[in-house]
């Protein structure tokens, strides 16, 4: 099973502000949906709380240390390893790490493919994407301009190692 991460990152490495995305990027949301639909996604409890529901047509693995936490329509896991093993046992071909920062930080050593929306702006925020480590190479990129549905210009990138 391929372990991938998908994230939107500003030029100054911001991925969040006050528990939310610090931008509106319609093209990024459409890309996220197209790439992750039909696959497993792994997200932290805070990220789940921000979204407020399971994302449709995906198996949602929510990570929390609270054994009493309930997320209807999701699989609640106590740790990242449990979520990945559950996805593997379900014969998933690709499992996506979708955040937040603590989940990305823990997962990055395992991630083989990275889908990045590079937000071409410095953005105020309090959540940063962790260091990637070495050995990555860019396999594709596509540029998009800002418009009425996208706050900033972006570059969609795919990285592998």
N, C-alpha and C. Protein backbone atom coordinates (compact mmCIF):
# COMPACT_ATOMS: atom_id res chain seq x y z
N UNK A 1 0.84 -1.18 0.00
CA UNK A 1 0.00 0.00 0.00
C UNK A 1 0.89 1.24 0.00
N UNK A 2 0.54 2.17 -0.85
CA UNK A 2 1.27 3.43 -0.93
C UNK A 2 0.77 4.36 0.18
N UNK A 3 1.70 4.94 0.93
CA UNK A 3 1.34 5.92 1.96
C UNK A 3 1.70 7.29 1.40
N UNK A 4 0.69 8.14 1.27
CA UNK A 4 0.85 9.48 0.70
C UNK A 4 0.38 10.52 1.70
N UNK A 5 0.83 11.74 1.50
CA UNK A 5 0.31 12.88 2.25
C UNK A 5 -0.18 13.90 1.24
N UNK A 6 -1.20 14.64 1.62
CA UNK A 6 -1.72 15.70 0.77
C UNK A 6 -1.90 16.93 1.64
N UNK A 7 -1.40 18.09 1.15
CA UNK A 7 -1.35 19.28 1.98
C UNK A 7 -1.27 20.53 1.11
N UNK A 8 -1.81 21.63 1.62
CA UNK A 8 -1.60 22.96 1.04
C UNK A 8 -0.68 23.72 1.99
N UNK A 9 0.39 24.30 1.43
CA UNK A 9 1.43 24.94 2.24
C UNK A 9 1.73 26.32 1.66
N UNK A 10 1.77 27.34 2.52
CA UNK A 10 2.15 28.68 2.06
C UNK A 10 3.67 28.75 1.87
N UNK A 11 4.13 29.85 1.28
CA UNK A 11 5.57 30.04 1.09
C UNK A 11 6.32 30.06 2.40
N UNK A 12 5.67 30.49 3.49
CA UNK A 12 6.31 30.51 4.80
C UNK A 12 5.91 29.29 5.64
N UNK A 13 5.49 28.22 4.98
CA UNK A 13 5.28 26.90 5.59
C UNK A 13 4.01 26.79 6.44
N UNK A 14 3.10 27.76 6.35
CA UNK A 14 1.86 27.74 7.13
C UNK A 14 0.87 26.77 6.48
N UNK A 15 0.19 25.98 7.34
CA UNK A 15 -0.89 25.11 6.87
C UNK A 15 -2.21 25.38 7.60
N UNK A 16 -2.17 26.18 8.68
CA UNK A 16 -3.40 26.44 9.42
C UNK A 16 -3.32 27.68 10.28
N UNK A 17 -4.51 28.16 10.68
CA UNK A 17 -4.62 29.31 11.58
C UNK A 17 -5.88 29.15 12.41
N UNK A 18 -5.72 29.18 13.72
CA UNK A 18 -6.86 29.09 14.64
C UNK A 18 -7.74 27.88 14.36
N UNK A 19 -7.12 26.75 14.01
CA UNK A 19 -7.87 25.52 13.80
C UNK A 19 -8.56 25.39 12.45
N UNK A 20 -8.23 26.28 11.52
CA UNK A 20 -8.87 26.26 10.20
C UNK A 20 -7.83 26.48 9.11
N UNK A 21 -8.21 26.23 7.86
CA UNK A 21 -7.36 26.60 6.73
C UNK A 21 -7.34 28.12 6.63
N UNK A 22 -6.18 28.73 6.39
CA UNK A 22 -6.11 30.19 6.35
C UNK A 22 -6.37 30.79 4.97
N UNK A 23 -7.09 30.09 4.12
CA UNK A 23 -7.38 30.55 2.77
C UNK A 23 -8.58 29.82 2.22
N UNK A 24 -9.11 30.33 1.12
CA UNK A 24 -10.13 29.60 0.37
C UNK A 24 -9.56 29.38 -1.03
N UNK A 25 -9.40 28.10 -1.38
CA UNK A 25 -8.85 27.72 -2.68
C UNK A 25 -9.73 26.64 -3.27
N UNK A 26 -10.70 27.06 -4.07
CA UNK A 26 -11.65 26.12 -4.66
C UNK A 26 -10.94 25.05 -5.49
N UNK A 27 -9.93 25.45 -6.26
CA UNK A 27 -9.20 24.48 -7.10
C UNK A 27 -8.50 23.43 -6.25
N UNK A 28 -7.97 23.84 -5.10
CA UNK A 28 -7.30 22.90 -4.21
C UNK A 28 -8.30 21.91 -3.61
N UNK A 29 -9.47 22.40 -3.21
CA UNK A 29 -10.50 21.51 -2.64
C UNK A 29 -10.96 20.48 -3.68
N UNK A 30 -11.12 20.92 -4.92
CA UNK A 30 -11.52 19.99 -5.99
C UNK A 30 -10.42 18.96 -6.24
N UNK A 31 -9.18 19.39 -6.24
CA UNK A 31 -8.06 18.47 -6.43
C UNK A 31 -8.00 17.47 -5.29
N UNK A 32 -8.14 17.95 -4.05
CA UNK A 32 -8.14 17.07 -2.88
C UNK A 32 -9.22 16.00 -3.02
N UNK A 33 -10.42 16.42 -3.39
CA UNK A 33 -11.52 15.48 -3.54
C UNK A 33 -11.23 14.45 -4.63
N UNK A 34 -10.75 14.90 -5.77
CA UNK A 34 -10.47 13.99 -6.89
C UNK A 34 -9.39 12.97 -6.54
N UNK A 35 -8.37 13.41 -5.81
CA UNK A 35 -7.25 12.52 -5.49
C UNK A 35 -7.60 11.53 -4.38
N UNK A 36 -8.34 11.98 -3.37
CA UNK A 36 -8.56 11.12 -2.19
C UNK A 36 -9.83 10.28 -2.26
N UNK A 37 -10.79 10.63 -3.10
CA UNK A 37 -12.03 9.86 -3.18
C UNK A 37 -11.74 8.41 -3.55
N UNK A 38 -12.38 7.51 -2.81
CA UNK A 38 -12.20 6.08 -3.05
C UNK A 38 -11.04 5.48 -2.28
N UNK A 39 -10.35 6.28 -1.48
CA UNK A 39 -9.20 5.81 -0.71
C UNK A 39 -9.42 6.05 0.78
N UNK A 40 -8.50 5.59 1.58
CA UNK A 40 -8.50 5.87 3.01
C UNK A 40 -7.82 7.20 3.27
N UNK A 41 -8.33 7.92 4.28
CA UNK A 41 -7.67 9.14 4.74
C UNK A 41 -7.43 9.00 6.24
N UNK A 42 -6.32 9.55 6.69
CA UNK A 42 -5.96 9.53 8.11
C UNK A 42 -5.84 10.98 8.56
N UNK A 43 -6.58 11.32 9.61
CA UNK A 43 -6.56 12.69 10.11
C UNK A 43 -6.61 12.70 11.62
N UNK A 44 -6.07 13.76 12.19
CA UNK A 44 -6.12 13.94 13.63
C UNK A 44 -7.50 14.41 14.08
N UNK A 45 -7.74 14.29 15.37
CA UNK A 45 -9.04 14.65 15.93
C UNK A 45 -9.35 16.13 15.74
N UNK A 46 -8.36 17.00 15.88
CA UNK A 46 -8.61 18.44 15.69
C UNK A 46 -9.01 18.73 14.24
N UNK A 47 -8.35 18.07 13.31
CA UNK A 47 -8.69 18.23 11.90
C UNK A 47 -10.12 17.72 11.65
N UNK A 48 -10.44 16.59 12.25
CA UNK A 48 -11.80 16.06 12.13
C UNK A 48 -12.81 17.06 12.69
N UNK A 49 -12.51 17.63 13.87
CA UNK A 49 -13.43 18.61 14.47
C UNK A 49 -13.64 19.81 13.55
N UNK A 50 -12.58 20.26 12.87
CA UNK A 50 -12.69 21.40 11.96
C UNK A 50 -13.59 21.05 10.77
N UNK A 51 -13.41 19.84 10.22
CA UNK A 51 -14.24 19.41 9.09
C UNK A 51 -15.67 19.16 9.54
N UNK A 52 -15.83 18.54 10.71
CA UNK A 52 -17.14 18.38 11.32
C UNK A 52 -17.94 17.15 10.91
N UNK A 53 -17.39 16.35 10.00
CA UNK A 53 -18.12 15.17 9.52
C UNK A 53 -17.13 14.28 8.77
N UNK A 54 -17.49 13.03 8.54
CA UNK A 54 -16.62 12.20 7.70
C UNK A 54 -16.67 12.69 6.26
N UNK A 55 -15.54 12.63 5.58
CA UNK A 55 -15.53 12.99 4.17
C UNK A 55 -16.11 11.83 3.38
N UNK A 56 -17.07 12.10 2.49
CA UNK A 56 -17.78 11.02 1.80
C UNK A 56 -16.89 10.25 0.82
N UNK A 57 -17.29 9.00 0.60
CA UNK A 57 -16.64 8.11 -0.38
C UNK A 57 -15.17 7.87 -0.07
N UNK A 58 -14.84 7.91 1.22
CA UNK A 58 -13.49 7.62 1.71
C UNK A 58 -13.64 6.94 3.06
N UNK A 59 -12.72 6.04 3.39
CA UNK A 59 -12.68 5.52 4.75
C UNK A 59 -11.89 6.52 5.58
N UNK A 60 -12.54 7.09 6.60
CA UNK A 60 -11.94 8.12 7.43
C UNK A 60 -11.40 7.50 8.71
N UNK A 61 -10.08 7.53 8.90
CA UNK A 61 -9.45 7.07 10.13
C UNK A 61 -9.09 8.30 10.95
N UNK A 62 -9.74 8.45 12.11
CA UNK A 62 -9.50 9.60 12.98
C UNK A 62 -8.61 9.17 14.13
N UNK A 63 -7.50 9.88 14.33
CA UNK A 63 -6.56 9.56 15.39
C UNK A 63 -6.86 10.38 16.64
N UNK A 64 -6.93 9.70 17.78
CA UNK A 64 -7.13 10.37 19.06
C UNK A 64 -6.61 9.48 20.17
N UNK A 65 -6.15 10.12 21.23
CA UNK A 65 -5.73 9.36 22.42
C UNK A 65 -6.89 9.14 23.37
N UNK A 66 -8.04 9.70 23.06
CA UNK A 66 -9.23 9.58 23.91
C UNK A 66 -10.01 8.32 23.51
N UNK A 67 -9.96 7.26 24.33
CA UNK A 67 -10.65 6.02 23.95
C UNK A 67 -12.17 6.15 23.92
N UNK A 68 -12.72 7.20 24.51
CA UNK A 68 -14.17 7.39 24.52
C UNK A 68 -14.65 8.24 23.34
N UNK A 69 -13.72 8.75 22.53
CA UNK A 69 -14.09 9.63 21.41
C UNK A 69 -14.91 8.85 20.39
N UNK A 70 -15.98 9.47 19.92
CA UNK A 70 -16.82 8.87 18.89
C UNK A 70 -16.90 9.79 17.69
N UNK A 71 -16.79 9.19 16.52
CA UNK A 71 -16.90 9.93 15.26
C UNK A 71 -17.74 9.08 14.33
N UNK A 72 -19.07 9.26 14.35
CA UNK A 72 -19.94 8.43 13.52
C UNK A 72 -19.52 8.44 12.05
N UNK A 73 -19.46 7.26 11.46
CA UNK A 73 -19.07 7.14 10.07
C UNK A 73 -17.57 7.07 9.86
N UNK A 74 -16.81 7.08 10.95
CA UNK A 74 -15.34 7.03 10.88
C UNK A 74 -14.84 5.83 11.67
N UNK A 75 -13.58 5.49 11.43
CA UNK A 75 -12.89 4.49 12.24
C UNK A 75 -11.97 5.26 13.18
N UNK A 76 -12.20 5.14 14.48
CA UNK A 76 -11.39 5.85 15.46
C UNK A 76 -10.22 4.96 15.85
N UNK A 77 -9.00 5.52 15.77
CA UNK A 77 -7.78 4.76 16.05
C UNK A 77 -6.97 5.49 17.12
N UNK A 78 -6.29 4.72 17.94
CA UNK A 78 -5.48 5.29 19.01
C UNK A 78 -4.12 5.78 18.56
N UNK A 79 -3.68 5.35 17.37
CA UNK A 79 -2.37 5.80 16.88
C UNK A 79 -2.28 5.61 15.37
N UNK A 80 -1.24 6.19 14.81
CA UNK A 80 -1.03 6.16 13.36
C UNK A 80 -0.82 4.74 12.85
N UNK A 81 -0.04 3.95 13.57
CA UNK A 81 0.22 2.57 13.14
C UNK A 81 -1.06 1.77 13.00
N UNK A 82 -1.96 1.94 13.97
CA UNK A 82 -3.25 1.23 13.92
C UNK A 82 -4.04 1.64 12.68
N UNK A 83 -4.06 2.92 12.36
CA UNK A 83 -4.80 3.40 11.19
C UNK A 83 -4.20 2.83 9.91
N UNK A 84 -2.89 2.87 9.79
CA UNK A 84 -2.23 2.37 8.57
C UNK A 84 -2.44 0.86 8.44
N UNK A 85 -2.32 0.13 9.52
CA UNK A 85 -2.53 -1.32 9.46
C UNK A 85 -3.98 -1.65 9.12
N UNK A 86 -4.92 -0.86 9.61
CA UNK A 86 -6.33 -1.08 9.28
C UNK A 86 -6.58 -0.84 7.80
N UNK A 87 -5.98 0.22 7.25
CA UNK A 87 -6.12 0.50 5.81
C UNK A 87 -5.49 -0.62 4.99
N UNK A 88 -4.33 -1.09 5.43
CA UNK A 88 -3.65 -2.18 4.72
C UNK A 88 -4.51 -3.45 4.77
N UNK A 89 -5.09 -3.75 5.92
CA UNK A 89 -5.94 -4.94 6.07
C UNK A 89 -7.19 -4.85 5.20
N UNK A 90 -7.63 -3.62 4.91
CA UNK A 90 -8.80 -3.41 4.05
C UNK A 90 -8.41 -3.42 2.57
N UNK A 91 -7.16 -3.76 2.28
CA UNK A 91 -6.65 -3.88 0.90
C UNK A 91 -6.67 -2.56 0.15
N UNK A 92 -6.44 -1.47 0.87
CA UNK A 92 -6.33 -0.16 0.21
C UNK A 92 -5.08 -0.14 -0.66
N UNK A 93 -5.15 0.57 -1.78
CA UNK A 93 -3.97 0.73 -2.64
C UNK A 93 -3.17 1.97 -2.26
N UNK A 94 -3.86 2.99 -1.73
CA UNK A 94 -3.20 4.23 -1.31
C UNK A 94 -3.93 4.79 -0.11
N UNK A 95 -3.18 5.19 0.90
CA UNK A 95 -3.72 5.77 2.12
C UNK A 95 -3.15 7.18 2.25
N UNK A 96 -4.03 8.16 2.45
CA UNK A 96 -3.63 9.57 2.48
C UNK A 96 -3.60 10.12 3.90
N UNK A 97 -2.49 10.72 4.27
CA UNK A 97 -2.36 11.47 5.51
C UNK A 97 -2.82 12.89 5.17
N UNK A 98 -3.85 13.38 5.90
CA UNK A 98 -4.40 14.70 5.55
C UNK A 98 -4.26 15.73 6.68
N UNK A 99 -3.50 15.41 7.73
CA UNK A 99 -3.21 16.39 8.76
C UNK A 99 -3.95 16.14 10.05
N UNK A 100 -3.73 16.98 10.98
CA UNK A 100 -2.95 18.19 11.05
C UNK A 100 -1.45 17.97 11.25
N UNK A 101 -0.84 19.03 11.79
CA UNK A 101 0.62 19.09 11.87
C UNK A 101 1.22 17.91 12.62
N UNK A 102 0.65 17.53 13.75
CA UNK A 102 1.21 16.43 14.54
C UNK A 102 1.13 15.11 13.77
N UNK A 103 0.05 14.91 13.04
CA UNK A 103 -0.10 13.68 12.24
C UNK A 103 0.90 13.70 11.09
N UNK A 104 1.04 14.84 10.41
CA UNK A 104 2.04 14.94 9.35
C UNK A 104 3.44 14.65 9.90
N UNK A 105 3.77 15.25 11.04
CA UNK A 105 5.11 15.09 11.62
C UNK A 105 5.41 13.61 11.89
N UNK A 106 4.45 12.91 12.46
CA UNK A 106 4.65 11.50 12.77
C UNK A 106 4.70 10.65 11.49
N UNK A 107 3.92 11.01 10.50
CA UNK A 107 3.79 10.18 9.30
C UNK A 107 4.89 10.41 8.26
N UNK A 108 5.51 11.58 8.24
CA UNK A 108 6.44 11.91 7.15
C UNK A 108 7.54 10.88 6.93
N UNK A 109 8.10 10.25 7.95
CA UNK A 109 9.11 9.22 7.66
C UNK A 109 8.56 8.02 6.88
N UNK A 110 7.24 7.82 6.91
CA UNK A 110 6.60 6.70 6.22
C UNK A 110 6.07 7.06 4.84
N UNK A 111 5.91 8.36 4.59
CA UNK A 111 5.26 8.83 3.37
C UNK A 111 6.19 8.62 2.17
N UNK A 112 5.60 8.07 1.10
CA UNK A 112 6.34 7.80 -0.13
C UNK A 112 5.99 8.78 -1.25
N UNK A 113 4.81 9.39 -1.15
CA UNK A 113 4.36 10.32 -2.18
C UNK A 113 3.70 11.51 -1.48
N UNK A 114 3.98 12.71 -1.99
CA UNK A 114 3.49 13.93 -1.38
C UNK A 114 2.80 14.78 -2.44
N UNK A 115 1.52 15.06 -2.21
CA UNK A 115 0.74 15.94 -3.09
C UNK A 115 0.68 17.31 -2.40
N UNK A 116 1.30 18.30 -3.01
CA UNK A 116 1.42 19.62 -2.39
C UNK A 116 0.72 20.67 -3.23
N UNK A 117 -0.12 21.47 -2.59
CA UNK A 117 -0.59 22.70 -3.20
C UNK A 117 0.26 23.80 -2.59
N UNK A 118 1.14 24.36 -3.39
CA UNK A 118 2.04 25.42 -2.93
C UNK A 118 1.28 26.73 -3.09
N UNK A 119 0.95 27.37 -1.97
CA UNK A 119 0.24 28.65 -1.97
C UNK A 119 1.29 29.75 -2.11
N UNK A 120 1.22 30.50 -3.19
CA UNK A 120 2.27 31.47 -3.51
C UNK A 120 2.05 32.79 -2.79
N UNK A 121 2.14 32.72 -1.46
CA UNK A 121 1.98 33.89 -0.61
C UNK A 121 2.53 33.55 0.77
N UNK A 122 2.96 34.58 1.50
CA UNK A 122 3.25 34.42 2.92
C UNK A 122 1.94 34.67 3.64
N UNK A 123 1.55 33.74 4.50
CA UNK A 123 0.23 33.78 5.13
C UNK A 123 0.42 33.71 6.65
N UNK A 124 -0.35 34.53 7.38
CA UNK A 124 -0.31 34.44 8.84
C UNK A 124 -0.93 33.12 9.28
N UNK A 125 -0.29 32.47 10.23
CA UNK A 125 -0.83 31.22 10.73
C UNK A 125 -0.08 30.73 11.94
N UNK A 126 -0.66 29.75 12.62
CA UNK A 126 -0.04 29.20 13.83
C UNK A 126 0.26 27.71 13.72
N UNK A 127 0.02 27.13 12.55
CA UNK A 127 0.32 25.71 12.33
C UNK A 127 1.22 25.60 11.10
N UNK A 128 2.36 24.94 11.27
CA UNK A 128 3.34 24.81 10.20
C UNK A 128 3.49 23.36 9.77
N UNK A 129 3.84 23.17 8.51
CA UNK A 129 4.12 21.83 8.00
C UNK A 129 5.53 21.43 8.45
N UNK A 130 5.72 20.18 8.87
CA UNK A 130 7.03 19.76 9.35
C UNK A 130 8.05 19.62 8.22
N UNK A 131 9.31 19.50 8.59
CA UNK A 131 10.37 19.25 7.61
C UNK A 131 10.08 17.94 6.89
N UNK A 132 10.40 17.90 5.60
CA UNK A 132 10.11 16.72 4.78
C UNK A 132 11.16 15.64 4.93
N UNK A 133 12.39 16.01 5.23
CA UNK A 133 13.47 15.04 5.17
C UNK A 133 14.09 15.07 3.78
N UNK A 134 14.97 14.15 3.51
CA UNK A 134 15.72 14.15 2.25
C UNK A 134 15.21 13.08 1.29
N UNK A 135 15.68 13.19 0.05
CA UNK A 135 15.42 12.15 -0.94
C UNK A 135 14.19 12.37 -1.81
N UNK A 136 13.58 13.54 -1.73
CA UNK A 136 12.37 13.82 -2.51
C UNK A 136 12.74 14.37 -3.88
N UNK A 137 11.96 14.02 -4.90
CA UNK A 137 12.11 14.65 -6.21
C UNK A 137 10.71 14.95 -6.77
N UNK A 138 10.63 16.12 -7.41
CA UNK A 138 9.34 16.57 -7.96
C UNK A 138 9.07 15.83 -9.26
N UNK A 139 7.87 15.25 -9.38
CA UNK A 139 7.52 14.52 -10.60
C UNK A 139 6.53 15.28 -11.47
N UNK A 140 5.84 16.28 -10.90
CA UNK A 140 4.95 17.10 -11.73
C UNK A 140 4.62 18.40 -11.02
N UNK A 141 4.23 19.39 -11.81
CA UNK A 141 3.73 20.65 -11.26
C UNK A 141 2.81 21.30 -12.28
N UNK A 142 1.81 22.01 -11.74
CA UNK A 142 0.85 22.71 -12.58
C UNK A 142 0.50 24.02 -11.88
N UNK A 143 0.60 25.14 -12.60
CA UNK A 143 0.39 26.47 -12.00
C UNK A 143 -1.02 26.97 -12.26
N UNK A 144 -1.56 27.69 -11.25
CA UNK A 144 -2.89 28.28 -11.34
C UNK A 144 -2.84 29.70 -10.79
N UNK A 145 -3.55 30.60 -11.43
CA UNK A 145 -3.62 31.99 -10.98
C UNK A 145 -4.74 32.16 -9.95
N UNK A 146 -4.64 33.21 -9.16
CA UNK A 146 -5.72 33.57 -8.25
C UNK A 146 -6.90 34.08 -9.08
N UNK A 147 -8.10 33.87 -8.55
CA UNK A 147 -9.30 34.38 -9.20
C UNK A 147 -10.38 34.52 -8.13
N UNK A 148 -11.62 34.71 -8.56
CA UNK A 148 -12.70 34.94 -7.58
C UNK A 148 -12.94 33.74 -6.67
N UNK A 149 -12.52 32.55 -7.05
CA UNK A 149 -12.72 31.35 -6.23
C UNK A 149 -11.45 30.86 -5.54
N UNK A 150 -10.34 31.52 -5.81
CA UNK A 150 -9.05 31.10 -5.26
C UNK A 150 -8.30 32.33 -4.77
N UNK A 151 -8.10 32.42 -3.44
CA UNK A 151 -7.51 33.60 -2.83
C UNK A 151 -6.10 33.92 -3.32
N UNK A 152 -5.32 32.90 -3.67
CA UNK A 152 -3.92 33.08 -4.02
C UNK A 152 -3.57 32.25 -5.25
N UNK A 153 -2.53 32.66 -5.98
CA UNK A 153 -2.01 31.76 -7.01
C UNK A 153 -1.40 30.53 -6.34
N UNK A 154 -1.44 29.41 -7.04
CA UNK A 154 -0.94 28.15 -6.47
C UNK A 154 -0.17 27.36 -7.53
N UNK A 155 0.60 26.42 -7.03
CA UNK A 155 1.25 25.43 -7.88
C UNK A 155 0.92 24.07 -7.28
N UNK A 156 0.30 23.20 -8.07
CA UNK A 156 0.04 21.83 -7.63
C UNK A 156 1.28 21.00 -7.97
N UNK A 157 1.87 20.39 -6.96
CA UNK A 157 3.09 19.61 -7.14
C UNK A 157 2.88 18.18 -6.64
N UNK A 158 3.58 17.24 -7.27
CA UNK A 158 3.63 15.87 -6.78
C UNK A 158 5.10 15.53 -6.58
N UNK A 159 5.42 15.01 -5.39
CA UNK A 159 6.78 14.64 -5.02
C UNK A 159 6.81 13.16 -4.66
N UNK A 160 7.92 12.50 -4.97
CA UNK A 160 8.09 11.09 -4.60
C UNK A 160 9.48 10.87 -4.04
N UNK A 161 9.61 9.76 -3.32
CA UNK A 161 10.94 9.32 -2.89
C UNK A 161 11.01 7.81 -2.93
